[in-house]
Amino acid sequence: ARGKEPFVEVSWDVALTLVADELARVKQQ
């Protein structure tokens, strides 16, 4: 649904956690 669904505002803690988790996943895999 990229390009179709809305964006949801989140806190900085949530945003930073999402980025950190994704970087760690890509690095590991």
mmCIF file of all heavy atoms, coordinates in Angstrom:
data_MODEL
# 
_entry.id   MODEL 
# 
loop_
_atom_site.group_PDB 
_atom_site.id 
_atom_site.type_symbol 
_atom_site.label_atom_id 
_atom_site.label_alt_id 
_atom_site.label_comp_id 
_atom_site.label_asym_id 
_atom_site.label_entity_id 
_atom_site.label_seq_id 
_atom_site.pdbx_PDB_ins_code 
_atom_site.Cartn_x 
_atom_site.Cartn_y 
_atom_site.Cartn_z 
_atom_site.occupancy 
_atom_site.B_iso_or_equiv 
_atom_site.pdbx_formal_charge 
_atom_site.auth_seq_id 
_atom_site.auth_comp_id 
_atom_site.auth_asym_id 
_atom_site.auth_atom_id 
_atom_site.pdbx_PDB_model_num 
ATOM 1   N N   . ALA A 1 1  ? 0.813  -1.223  0.000  1.00 0.00 ? 1  ALA A N   1 
ATOM 2   C CA  . ALA A 1 1  ? 0.000  0.000   0.000  1.00 0.00 ? 1  ALA A CA  1 
ATOM 3   C C   . ALA A 1 1  ? 0.846  1.272   0.000  1.00 0.00 ? 1  ALA A C   1 
ATOM 4   O O   . ALA A 1 1  ? 0.331  2.351   0.285  1.00 0.00 ? 1  ALA A O   1 
ATOM 5   C CB  . ALA A 1 1  ? -0.942 -0.007  1.202  1.00 0.00 ? 1  ALA A CB  1 
ATOM 6   N N   . ARG A 1 2  ? 2.131  1.150   -0.296 1.00 0.00 ? 2  ARG A N   1 
ATOM 7   C CA  . ARG A 1 2  ? 2.983  2.344   -0.335 1.00 0.00 ? 2  ARG A CA  1 
ATOM 8   C C   . ARG A 1 2  ? 2.453  3.336   -1.361 1.00 0.00 ? 2  ARG A C   1 
ATOM 9   O O   . ARG A 1 2  ? 2.080  2.962   -2.470 1.00 0.00 ? 2  ARG A O   1 
ATOM 10  C CB  . ARG A 1 2  ? 4.416  1.958   -0.683 1.00 0.00 ? 2  ARG A CB  1 
ATOM 11  C CG  . ARG A 1 2  ? 5.119  1.157   0.390  1.00 0.00 ? 2  ARG A CG  1 
ATOM 12  C CD  . ARG A 1 2  ? 6.523  0.755   -0.028 1.00 0.00 ? 2  ARG A CD  1 
ATOM 13  N NE  . ARG A 1 2  ? 7.404  1.916   -0.129 1.00 0.00 ? 2  ARG A NE  1 
ATOM 14  C CZ  . ARG A 1 2  ? 8.664  1.843   -0.552 1.00 0.00 ? 2  ARG A CZ  1 
ATOM 15  N NH1 . ARG A 1 2  ? 9.167  0.682   -0.936 1.00 0.00 ? 2  ARG A NH1 1 
ATOM 16  N NH2 . ARG A 1 2  ? 9.406  2.926   -0.595 1.00 0.00 ? 2  ARG A NH2 1 
ATOM 17  N N   . GLY A 1 3  ? 2.412  4.595   -0.965 1.00 0.00 ? 3  GLY A N   1 
ATOM 18  C CA  . GLY A 1 3  ? 1.885  5.627   -1.854 1.00 0.00 ? 3  GLY A CA  1 
ATOM 19  C C   . GLY A 1 3  ? 0.395  5.827   -1.738 1.00 0.00 ? 3  GLY A C   1 
ATOM 20  O O   . GLY A 1 3  ? -0.150 6.760   -2.342 1.00 0.00 ? 3  GLY A O   1 
ATOM 21  N N   . LYS A 1 4  ? -0.289 4.971   -1.001 1.00 0.00 ? 4  LYS A N   1 
ATOM 22  C CA  . LYS A 1 4  ? -1.743 5.057   -0.875 1.00 0.00 ? 4  LYS A CA  1 
ATOM 23  C C   . LYS A 1 4  ? -2.195 5.328   0.558  1.00 0.00 ? 4  LYS A C   1 
ATOM 24  O O   . LYS A 1 4  ? -3.155 6.055   0.778  1.00 0.00 ? 4  LYS A O   1 
ATOM 25  C CB  . LYS A 1 4  ? -2.389 3.751   -1.357 1.00 0.00 ? 4  LYS A CB  1 
ATOM 26  C CG  . LYS A 1 4  ? -2.044 3.373   -2.793 1.00 0.00 ? 4  LYS A CG  1 
ATOM 27  C CD  . LYS A 1 4  ? -2.625 1.999   -3.130 1.00 0.00 ? 4  LYS A CD  1 
ATOM 28  C CE  . LYS A 1 4  ? -2.198 1.564   -4.526 1.00 0.00 ? 4  LYS A CE  1 
ATOM 29  N NZ  . LYS A 1 4  ? -2.706 0.195   -4.840 1.00 0.00 ? 4  LYS A NZ  1 
ATOM 30  N N   . GLU A 1 5  ? -1.517 4.695   1.516  1.00 0.00 ? 5  GLU A N   1 
ATOM 31  C CA  . GLU A 1 5  ? -1.997 4.799   2.884  1.00 0.00 ? 5  GLU A CA  1 
ATOM 32  C C   . GLU A 1 5  ? -1.448 6.042   3.587  1.00 0.00 ? 5  GLU A C   1 
ATOM 33  O O   . GLU A 1 5  ? -0.453 6.626   3.150  1.00 0.00 ? 5  GLU A O   1 
ATOM 34  C CB  . GLU A 1 5  ? -1.627 3.532   3.660  1.00 0.00 ? 5  GLU A CB  1 
ATOM 35  C CG  . GLU A 1 5  ? -0.165 3.179   3.617  1.00 0.00 ? 5  GLU A CG  1 
ATOM 36  C CD  . GLU A 1 5  ? 0.079  1.771   4.166  1.00 0.00 ? 5  GLU A CD  1 
ATOM 37  O OE1 . GLU A 1 5  ? -0.884 1.057   4.440  1.00 0.00 ? 5  GLU A OE1 1 
ATOM 38  O OE2 . GLU A 1 5  ? 1.259  1.416   4.320  1.00 0.00 ? 5  GLU A OE2 1 
ATOM 39  N N   . PRO A 1 6  ? -2.100 6.456   4.662  1.00 0.00 ? 6  PRO A N   1 
ATOM 40  C CA  . PRO A 1 6  ? -1.709 7.692   5.349  1.00 0.00 ? 6  PRO A CA  1 
ATOM 41  C C   . PRO A 1 6  ? -0.455 7.512   6.195  1.00 0.00 ? 6  PRO A C   1 
ATOM 42  O O   . PRO A 1 6  ? -0.017 6.389   6.465  1.00 0.00 ? 6  PRO A O   1 
ATOM 43  C CB  . PRO A 1 6  ? -2.919 7.989   6.238  1.00 0.00 ? 6  PRO A CB  1 
ATOM 44  C CG  . PRO A 1 6  ? -3.490 6.638   6.530  1.00 0.00 ? 6  PRO A CG  1 
ATOM 45  C CD  . PRO A 1 6  ? -3.294 5.836   5.262  1.00 0.00 ? 6  PRO A CD  1 
ATOM 46  N N   . PHE A 1 7  ? 0.107  8.644   6.613  1.00 0.00 ? 7  PHE A N   1 
ATOM 47  C CA  . PHE A 1 7  ? 1.201  8.651   7.572  1.00 0.00 ? 7  PHE A CA  1 
ATOM 48  C C   . PHE A 1 7  ? 0.651  9.003   8.945  1.00 0.00 ? 7  PHE A C   1 
ATOM 49  O O   . PHE A 1 7  ? -0.245 9.837   9.072  1.00 0.00 ? 7  PHE A O   1 
ATOM 50  C CB  . PHE A 1 7  ? 2.275  9.652   7.154  1.00 0.00 ? 7  PHE A CB  1 
ATOM 51  C CG  . PHE A 1 7  ? 3.201  9.136   6.088  1.00 0.00 ? 7  PHE A CG  1 
ATOM 52  C CD1 . PHE A 1 7  ? 2.782  9.023   4.773  1.00 0.00 ? 7  PHE A CD1 1 
ATOM 53  C CD2 . PHE A 1 7  ? 4.488  8.738   6.416  1.00 0.00 ? 7  PHE A CD2 1 
ATOM 54  C CE1 . PHE A 1 7  ? 3.634  8.536   3.798  1.00 0.00 ? 7  PHE A CE1 1 
ATOM 55  C CE2 . PHE A 1 7  ? 5.353  8.253   5.451  1.00 0.00 ? 7  PHE A CE2 1 
ATOM 56  C CZ  . PHE A 1 7  ? 4.920  8.147   4.132  1.00 0.00 ? 7  PHE A CZ  1 
ATOM 57  N N   . VAL A 1 8  ? 1.206  8.366   9.957  1.00 0.00 ? 8  VAL A N   1 
ATOM 58  C CA  . VAL A 1 8  ? 0.728  8.533   11.321 1.00 0.00 ? 8  VAL A CA  1 
ATOM 59  C C   . VAL A 1 8  ? 1.828  9.197   12.144 1.00 0.00 ? 8  VAL A C   1 
ATOM 60  O O   . VAL A 1 8  ? 2.973  8.735   12.147 1.00 0.00 ? 8  VAL A O   1 
ATOM 61  C CB  . VAL A 1 8  ? 0.356  7.174   11.952 1.00 0.00 ? 8  VAL A CB  1 
ATOM 62  C CG1 . VAL A 1 8  ? -0.132 7.365   13.385 1.00 0.00 ? 8  VAL A CG1 1 
ATOM 63  C CG2 . VAL A 1 8  ? -0.698 6.468   11.101 1.00 0.00 ? 8  VAL A CG2 1 
ATOM 64  N N   . GLU A 1 9  ? 1.474  10.278  12.844 1.00 0.00 ? 9  GLU A N   1 
ATOM 65  C CA  . GLU A 1 9  ? 2.458  10.942  13.697 1.00 0.00 ? 9  GLU A CA  1 
ATOM 66  C C   . GLU A 1 9  ? 2.771  10.069  14.911 1.00 0.00 ? 9  GLU A C   1 
ATOM 67  O O   . GLU A 1 9  ? 1.879  9.471   15.512 1.00 0.00 ? 9  GLU A O   1 
ATOM 68  C CB  . GLU A 1 9  ? 1.939  12.305  14.150 1.00 0.00 ? 9  GLU A CB  1 
ATOM 69  C CG  . GLU A 1 9  ? 1.888  13.331  13.020 1.00 0.00 ? 9  GLU A CG  1 
ATOM 70  C CD  . GLU A 1 9  ? 1.530  14.721  13.524 1.00 0.00 ? 9  GLU A CD  1 
ATOM 71  O OE1 . GLU A 1 9  ? 1.065  14.828  14.681 1.00 0.00 ? 9  GLU A OE1 1 
ATOM 72  O OE2 . GLU A 1 9  ? 1.713  15.687  12.768 1.00 0.00 ? 9  GLU A OE2 1 
ATOM 73  N N   . VAL A 1 10 ? 4.082  10.031  15.250 1.00 0.00 ? 10 VAL A N   1 
ATOM 74  C CA  . VAL A 1 10 ? 4.531  9.253   16.405 1.00 0.00 ? 10 VAL A CA  1 
ATOM 75  C C   . VAL A 1 10 ? 5.506  10.116  17.210 1.00 0.00 ? 10 VAL A C   1 
ATOM 76  O O   . VAL A 1 10 ? 5.961  11.164  16.751 1.00 0.00 ? 10 VAL A O   1 
ATOM 77  C CB  . VAL A 1 10 ? 5.224  7.936   15.973 1.00 0.00 ? 10 VAL A CB  1 
ATOM 78  C CG1 . VAL A 1 10 ? 4.246  7.031   15.248 1.00 0.00 ? 10 VAL A CG1 1 
ATOM 79  C CG2 . VAL A 1 10 ? 6.446  8.230   15.098 1.00 0.00 ? 10 VAL A CG2 1 
ATOM 80  N N   . SER A 1 11 ? 5.850  9.660   18.391 1.00 0.00 ? 11 SER A N   1 
ATOM 81  C CA  . SER A 1 11 ? 6.821  10.379  19.213 1.00 0.00 ? 11 SER A CA  1 
ATOM 82  C C   . SER A 1 11 ? 8.226  10.143  18.656 1.00 0.00 ? 11 SER A C   1 
ATOM 83  O O   . SER A 1 11 ? 8.472  9.212   17.873 1.00 0.00 ? 11 SER A O   1 
ATOM 84  C CB  . SER A 1 11 ? 6.742  9.889   20.656 1.00 0.00 ? 11 SER A CB  1 
ATOM 85  O OG  . SER A 1 11 ? 7.195  8.542   20.744 1.00 0.00 ? 11 SER A OG  1 
ATOM 86  N N   . TRP A 1 12 ? 9.167  10.983  19.119 1.00 0.00 ? 12 TRP A N   1 
ATOM 87  C CA  . TRP A 1 12 ? 10.554 10.800  18.689 1.00 0.00 ? 12 TRP A CA  1 
ATOM 88  C C   . TRP A 1 12 ? 11.107 9.465   19.195 1.00 0.00 ? 12 TRP A C   1 
ATOM 89  O O   . TRP A 1 12 ? 11.892 8.806   18.505 1.00 0.00 ? 12 TRP A O   1 
ATOM 90  C CB  . TRP A 1 12 ? 11.417 11.956  19.200 1.00 0.00 ? 12 TRP A CB  1 
ATOM 91  C CG  . TRP A 1 12 ? 11.358 13.156  18.305 1.00 0.00 ? 12 TRP A CG  1 
ATOM 92  C CD1 . TRP A 1 12 ? 10.691 14.314  18.518 1.00 0.00 ? 12 TRP A CD1 1 
ATOM 93  C CD2 . TRP A 1 12 ? 11.993 13.285  17.026 1.00 0.00 ? 12 TRP A CD2 1 
ATOM 94  N NE1 . TRP A 1 12 ? 10.858 15.180  17.459 1.00 0.00 ? 12 TRP A NE1 1 
ATOM 95  C CE2 . TRP A 1 12 ? 11.652 14.581  16.529 1.00 0.00 ? 12 TRP A CE2 1 
ATOM 96  C CE3 . TRP A 1 12 ? 12.795 12.455  16.252 1.00 0.00 ? 12 TRP A CE3 1 
ATOM 97  C CZ2 . TRP A 1 12 ? 12.102 15.041  15.292 1.00 0.00 ? 12 TRP A CZ2 1 
ATOM 98  C CZ3 . TRP A 1 12 ? 13.250 12.920  15.013 1.00 0.00 ? 12 TRP A CZ3 1 
ATOM 99  C CH2 . TRP A 1 12 ? 12.907 14.182  14.542 1.00 0.00 ? 12 TRP A CH2 1 
ATOM 100 N N   . ASP A 1 13 ? 10.708 9.054   20.366 1.00 0.00 ? 13 ASP A N   1 
ATOM 101 C CA  . ASP A 1 13 ? 11.172 7.767   20.896 1.00 0.00 ? 13 ASP A CA  1 
ATOM 102 C C   . ASP A 1 13 ? 10.756 6.620   19.991 1.00 0.00 ? 13 ASP A C   1 
ATOM 103 O O   . ASP A 1 13 ? 11.555 5.716   19.700 1.00 0.00 ? 13 ASP A O   1 
ATOM 104 C CB  . ASP A 1 13 ? 10.629 7.543   22.310 1.00 0.00 ? 13 ASP A CB  1 
ATOM 105 C CG  . ASP A 1 13 ? 11.359 8.384   23.354 1.00 0.00 ? 13 ASP A CG  1 
ATOM 106 O OD1 . ASP A 1 13 ? 12.467 8.870   23.038 1.00 0.00 ? 13 ASP A OD1 1 
ATOM 107 O OD2 . ASP A 1 13 ? 10.816 8.563   24.458 1.00 0.00 ? 13 ASP A OD2 1 
ATOM 108 N N   . VAL A 1 14 ? 9.502  6.652   19.549 1.00 0.00 ? 14 VAL A N   1 
ATOM 109 C CA  . VAL A 1 14 ? 9.006  5.594   18.655 1.00 0.00 ? 14 VAL A CA  1 
ATOM 110 C C   . VAL A 1 14 ? 9.737  5.652   17.316 1.00 0.00 ? 14 VAL A C   1 
ATOM 111 O O   . VAL A 1 14 ? 10.175 4.627   16.770 1.00 0.00 ? 14 VAL A O   1 
ATOM 112 C CB  . VAL A 1 14 ? 7.489  5.732   18.451 1.00 0.00 ? 14 VAL A CB  1 
ATOM 113 C CG1 . VAL A 1 14 ? 7.014  4.795   17.344 1.00 0.00 ? 14 VAL A CG1 1 
ATOM 114 C CG2 . VAL A 1 14 ? 6.743  5.436   19.749 1.00 0.00 ? 14 VAL A CG2 1 
ATOM 115 N N   . ALA A 1 15 ? 9.899  6.853   16.756 1.00 0.00 ? 15 ALA A N   1 
ATOM 116 C CA  . ALA A 1 15 ? 10.559 6.998   15.457 1.00 0.00 ? 15 ALA A CA  1 
ATOM 117 C C   . ALA A 1 15 ? 12.006 6.517   15.510 1.00 0.00 ? 15 ALA A C   1 
ATOM 118 O O   . ALA A 1 15 ? 12.459 5.778   14.620 1.00 0.00 ? 15 ALA A O   1 
ATOM 119 C CB  . ALA A 1 15 ? 10.501 8.460   15.013 1.00 0.00 ? 15 ALA A CB  1 
ATOM 120 N N   . LEU A 1 16 ? 12.738 6.915   16.536 1.00 0.00 ? 16 LEU A N   1 
ATOM 121 C CA  . LEU A 1 16 ? 14.136 6.512   16.658 1.00 0.00 ? 16 LEU A CA  1 
ATOM 122 C C   . LEU A 1 16 ? 14.265 5.007   16.868 1.00 0.00 ? 16 LEU A C   1 
ATOM 123 O O   . LEU A 1 16 ? 15.182 4.364   16.350 1.00 0.00 ? 16 LEU A O   1 
ATOM 124 C CB  . LEU A 1 16 ? 14.801 7.272   17.808 1.00 0.00 ? 16 LEU A CB  1 
ATOM 125 C CG  . LEU A 1 16 ? 14.996 8.779   17.572 1.00 0.00 ? 16 LEU A CG  1 
ATOM 126 C CD1 . LEU A 1 16 ? 15.474 9.462   18.847 1.00 0.00 ? 16 LEU A CD1 1 
ATOM 127 C CD2 . LEU A 1 16 ? 15.982 9.030   16.439 1.00 0.00 ? 16 LEU A CD2 1 
ATOM 128 N N   . THR A 1 17 ? 13.337 4.422   17.615 1.00 0.00 ? 17 THR A N   1 
ATOM 129 C CA  . THR A 1 17 ? 13.360 2.975   17.827 1.00 0.00 ? 17 THR A CA  1 
ATOM 130 C C   . THR A 1 17 ? 13.118 2.230   16.522 1.00 0.00 ? 17 THR A C   1 
ATOM 131 O O   . THR A 1 17 ? 13.787 1.229   16.227 1.00 0.00 ? 17 THR A O   1 
ATOM 132 C CB  . THR A 1 17 ? 12.306 2.564   18.875 1.00 0.00 ? 17 THR A CB  1 
ATOM 133 O OG1 . THR A 1 17 ? 12.607 3.199   20.125 1.00 0.00 ? 17 THR A OG1 1 
ATOM 134 C CG2 . THR A 1 17 ? 12.297 1.054   19.071 1.00 0.00 ? 17 THR A CG2 1 
ATOM 135 N N   . LEU A 1 18 ? 12.181 2.716   15.718 1.00 0.00 ? 18 LEU A N   1 
ATOM 136 C CA  . LEU A 1 18 ? 11.904 2.083   14.422 1.00 0.00 ? 18 LEU A CA  1 
ATOM 137 C C   . LEU A 1 18 ? 13.135 2.121   13.519 1.00 0.00 ? 18 LEU A C   1 
ATOM 138 O O   . LEU A 1 18 ? 13.485 1.118   12.879 1.00 0.00 ? 18 LEU A O   1 
ATOM 139 C CB  . LEU A 1 18 ? 10.735 2.789   13.739 1.00 0.00 ? 18 LEU A CB  1 
ATOM 140 C CG  . LEU A 1 18 ? 9.344  2.555   14.334 1.00 0.00 ? 18 LEU A CG  1 
ATOM 141 C CD1 . LEU A 1 18 ? 8.324  3.480   13.673 1.00 0.00 ? 18 LEU A CD1 1 
ATOM 142 C CD2 . LEU A 1 18 ? 8.921  1.095   14.141 1.00 0.00 ? 18 LEU A CD2 1 
ATOM 143 N N   . VAL A 1 19 ? 13.798 3.265   13.462 1.00 0.00 ? 19 VAL A N   1 
ATOM 144 C CA  . VAL A 1 19 ? 14.983 3.393   12.617 1.00 0.00 ? 19 VAL A CA  1 
ATOM 145 C C   . VAL A 1 19 ? 16.111 2.497   13.127 1.00 0.00 ? 19 VAL A C   1 
ATOM 146 O O   . VAL A 1 19 ? 16.775 1.790   12.348 1.00 0.00 ? 19 VAL A O   1 
ATOM 147 C CB  . VAL A 1 19 ? 15.449 4.866   12.563 1.00 0.00 ? 19 VAL A CB  1 
ATOM 148 C CG1 . VAL A 1 19 ? 16.780 4.975   11.833 1.00 0.00 ? 19 VAL A CG1 1 
ATOM 149 C CG2 . VAL A 1 19 ? 14.406 5.729   11.870 1.00 0.00 ? 19 VAL A CG2 1 
ATOM 150 N N   . ALA A 1 20 ? 16.345 2.520   14.436 1.00 0.00 ? 20 ALA A N   1 
ATOM 151 C CA  . ALA A 1 20 ? 17.417 1.704   15.022 1.00 0.00 ? 20 ALA A CA  1 
ATOM 152 C C   . ALA A 1 20 ? 17.178 0.222   14.784 1.00 0.00 ? 20 ALA A C   1 
ATOM 153 O O   . ALA A 1 20 ? 18.099 -0.531  14.428 1.00 0.00 ? 20 ALA A O   1 
ATOM 154 C CB  . ALA A 1 20 ? 17.525 2.002   16.519 1.00 0.00 ? 20 ALA A CB  1 
ATOM 155 N N   . ASP A 1 21 ? 15.944 -0.221  14.977 1.00 0.00 ? 21 ASP A N   1 
ATOM 156 C CA  . ASP A 1 21 ? 15.614 -1.639  14.782 1.00 0.00 ? 21 ASP A CA  1 
ATOM 157 C C   . ASP A 1 21 ? 15.823 -2.046  13.326 1.00 0.00 ? 21 ASP A C   1 
ATOM 158 O O   . ASP A 1 21 ? 16.328 -3.143  13.040 1.00 0.00 ? 21 ASP A O   1 
ATOM 159 C CB  . ASP A 1 21 ? 14.168 -1.917  15.199 1.00 0.00 ? 21 ASP A CB  1 
ATOM 160 C CG  . ASP A 1 21 ? 13.971 -1.847  16.705 1.00 0.00 ? 21 ASP A CG  1 
ATOM 161 O OD1 . ASP A 1 21 ? 14.984 -1.824  17.429 1.00 0.00 ? 21 ASP A OD1 1 
ATOM 162 O OD2 . ASP A 1 21 ? 12.801 -1.810  17.141 1.00 0.00 ? 21 ASP A OD2 1 
ATOM 163 N N   . GLU A 1 22 ? 15.433 -1.184  12.390 1.00 0.00 ? 22 GLU A N   1 
ATOM 164 C CA  . GLU A 1 22 ? 15.565 -1.525  10.977 1.00 0.00 ? 22 GLU A CA  1 
ATOM 165 C C   . GLU A 1 22 ? 17.029 -1.556  10.548 1.00 0.00 ? 22 GLU A C   1 
ATOM 166 O O   . GLU A 1 22 ? 17.451 -2.435  9.790  1.00 0.00 ? 22 GLU A O   1 
ATOM 167 C CB  . GLU A 1 22 ? 14.779 -0.528  10.117 1.00 0.00 ? 22 GLU A CB  1 
ATOM 168 C CG  . GLU A 1 22 ? 14.755 -0.852  8.633  1.00 0.00 ? 22 GLU A CG  1 
ATOM 169 C CD  . GLU A 1 22 ? 14.039 -2.158  8.306  1.00 0.00 ? 22 GLU A CD  1 
ATOM 170 O OE1 . GLU A 1 22 ? 13.399 -2.742  9.206  1.00 0.00 ? 22 GLU A OE1 1 
ATOM 171 O OE2 . GLU A 1 22 ? 14.122 -2.598  7.141  1.00 0.00 ? 22 GLU A OE2 1 
ATOM 172 N N   . LEU A 1 23 ? 17.823 -0.608  11.035 1.00 0.00 ? 23 LEU A N   1 
ATOM 173 C CA  . LEU A 1 23 ? 19.249 -0.631  10.727 1.00 0.00 ? 23 LEU A CA  1 
ATOM 174 C C   . LEU A 1 23 ? 19.901 -1.907  11.260 1.00 0.00 ? 23 LEU A C   1 
ATOM 175 O O   . LEU A 1 23 ? 20.714 -2.545  10.566 1.00 0.00 ? 23 LEU A O   1 
ATOM 176 C CB  . LEU A 1 23 ? 19.931 0.597   11.325 1.00 0.00 ? 23 LEU A CB  1 
ATOM 177 C CG  . LEU A 1 23 ? 19.783 1.913   10.573 1.00 0.00 ? 23 LEU A CG  1 
ATOM 178 C CD1 . LEU A 1 23 ? 20.325 3.068   11.410 1.00 0.00 ? 23 LEU A CD1 1 
ATOM 179 C CD2 . LEU A 1 23 ? 20.504 1.851   9.232  1.00 0.00 ? 23 LEU A CD2 1 
ATOM 180 N N   . ALA A 1 24 ? 19.541 -2.271  12.478 1.00 0.00 ? 24 ALA A N   1 
ATOM 181 C CA  . ALA A 1 24 ? 20.101 -3.488  13.063 1.00 0.00 ? 24 ALA A CA  1 
ATOM 182 C C   . ALA A 1 24 ? 19.673 -4.721  12.272 1.00 0.00 ? 24 ALA A C   1 
ATOM 183 O O   . ALA A 1 24 ? 20.482 -5.643  12.049 1.00 0.00 ? 24 ALA A O   1 
ATOM 184 C CB  . ALA A 1 24 ? 19.665 -3.617  14.530 1.00 0.00 ? 24 ALA A CB  1 
ATOM 185 N N   . ARG A 1 25 ? 18.416 -4.754  11.810 1.00 0.00 ? 25 ARG A N   1 
ATOM 186 C CA  . ARG A 1 25 ? 17.928 -5.910  11.042 1.00 0.00 ? 25 ARG A CA  1 
ATOM 187 C C   . ARG A 1 25 ? 18.683 -6.035  9.718  1.00 0.00 ? 25 ARG A C   1 
ATOM 188 O O   . ARG A 1 25 ? 19.139 -7.128  9.343  1.00 0.00 ? 25 ARG A O   1 
ATOM 189 C CB  . ARG A 1 25 ? 16.426 -5.755  10.773 1.00 0.00 ? 25 ARG A CB  1 
ATOM 190 C CG  . ARG A 1 25 ? 15.810 -6.915  9.989  1.00 0.00 ? 25 ARG A CG  1 
ATOM 191 C CD  . ARG A 1 25 ? 14.400 -6.606  9.524  1.00 0.00 ? 25 ARG A CD  1 
ATOM 192 N NE  . ARG A 1 25 ? 14.387 -5.599  8.468  1.00 0.00 ? 25 ARG A NE  1 
ATOM 193 C CZ  . ARG A 1 25 ? 14.631 -5.866  7.169  1.00 0.00 ? 25 ARG A CZ  1 
ATOM 194 N NH1 . ARG A 1 25 ? 14.931 -7.119  6.790  1.00 0.00 ? 25 ARG A NH1 1 
ATOM 195 N NH2 . ARG A 1 25 ? 14.565 -4.904  6.273  1.00 0.00 ? 25 ARG A NH2 1 
ATOM 196 N N   . VAL A 1 26 ? 18.821 -4.943  9.004  1.00 0.00 ? 26 VAL A N   1 
ATOM 197 C CA  . VAL A 1 26 ? 19.502 -4.982  7.707  1.00 0.00 ? 26 VAL A CA  1 
ATOM 198 C C   . VAL A 1 26 ? 20.968 -5.381  7.884  1.00 0.00 ? 26 VAL A C   1 
ATOM 199 O O   . VAL A 1 26 ? 21.511 -6.190  7.118  1.00 0.00 ? 26 VAL A O   1 
ATOM 200 C CB  . VAL A 1 26 ? 19.389 -3.611  7.008  1.00 0.00 ? 26 VAL A CB  1 
ATOM 201 C CG1 . VAL A 1 26 ? 20.248 -3.574  5.748  1.00 0.00 ? 26 VAL A CG1 1 
ATOM 202 C CG2 . VAL A 1 26 ? 17.939 -3.319  6.660  1.00 0.00 ? 26 VAL A CG2 1 
ATOM 203 N N   . LYS A 1 27 ? 21.604 -4.830  8.912  1.00 0.00 ? 27 LYS A N   1 
ATOM 204 C CA  . LYS A 1 27 ? 23.010 -5.166  9.163  1.00 0.00 ? 27 LYS A CA  1 
ATOM 205 C C   . LYS A 1 27 ? 23.181 -6.647  9.464  1.00 0.00 ? 27 LYS A C   1 
ATOM 206 O O   . LYS A 1 27 ? 24.097 -7.305  8.950  1.00 0.00 ? 27 LYS A O   1 
ATOM 207 C CB  . LYS A 1 27 ? 23.547 -4.321  10.317 1.00 0.00 ? 27 LYS A CB  1 
ATOM 208 C CG  . LYS A 1 27 ? 25.008 -4.586  10.655 1.00 0.00 ? 27 LYS A CG  1 
ATOM 209 C CD  . LYS A 1 27 ? 25.485 -3.664  11.767 1.00 0.00 ? 27 LYS A CD  1 
ATOM 210 C CE  . LYS A 1 27 ? 26.955 -3.907  12.094 1.00 0.00 ? 27 LYS A CE  1 
ATOM 211 N NZ  . LYS A 1 27 ? 27.453 -2.974  13.138 1.00 0.00 ? 27 LYS A NZ  1 
ATOM 212 N N   . GLN A 1 28 ? 22.282 -7.188  10.277 1.00 0.00 ? 28 GLN A N   1 
ATOM 213 C CA  . GLN A 1 28 ? 22.391 -8.589  10.671 1.00 0.00 ? 28 GLN A CA  1 
ATOM 214 C C   . GLN A 1 28 ? 22.099 -9.526  9.504  1.00 0.00 ? 28 GLN A C   1 
ATOM 215 O O   . GLN A 1 28 ? 22.784 -10.529 9.312  1.00 0.00 ? 28 GLN A O   1 
ATOM 216 C CB  . GLN A 1 28 ? 21.439 -8.874  11.824 1.00 0.00 ? 28 GLN A CB  1 
ATOM 217 C CG  . GLN A 1 28 ? 21.498 -10.325 12.325 1.00 0.00 ? 28 GLN A CG  1 
ATOM 218 C CD  . GLN A 1 28 ? 20.540 -10.583 13.479 1.00 0.00 ? 28 GLN A CD  1 
ATOM 219 O OE1 . GLN A 1 28 ? 19.666 -9.780  13.755 1.00 0.00 ? 28 GLN A OE1 1 
ATOM 220 N NE2 . GLN A 1 28 ? 20.721 -11.698 14.169 1.00 0.00 ? 28 GLN A NE2 1 
ATOM 221 N N   . GLN A 1 29 ? 21.083 -9.200  8.702  1.00 0.00 ? 29 GLN A N   1 
ATOM 222 C CA  . GLN A 1 29 ? 20.654 -10.101 7.634  1.00 0.00 ? 29 GLN A CA  1 
ATOM 223 C C   . GLN A 1 29 ? 21.451 -9.936  6.345  1.00 0.00 ? 29 GLN A C   1 
ATOM 224 O O   . GLN A 1 29 ? 21.655 -10.907 5.609  1.00 0.00 ? 29 GLN A O   1 
ATOM 225 C CB  . GLN A 1 29 ? 19.162 -9.896  7.352  1.00 0.00 ? 29 GLN A CB  1 
ATOM 226 C CG  . GLN A 1 29 ? 18.252 -10.294 8.503  1.00 0.00 ? 29 GLN A CG  1 
ATOM 227 C CD  . GLN A 1 29 ? 16.772 -10.146 8.161  1.00 0.00 ? 29 GLN A CD  1 
ATOM 228 O OE1 . GLN A 1 29 ? 16.410 -9.900  7.012  1.00 0.00 ? 29 GLN A OE1 1 
ATOM 229 N NE2 . GLN A 1 29 ? 15.918 -10.307 9.162  1.00 0.00 ? 29 GLN A NE2 1 
# 
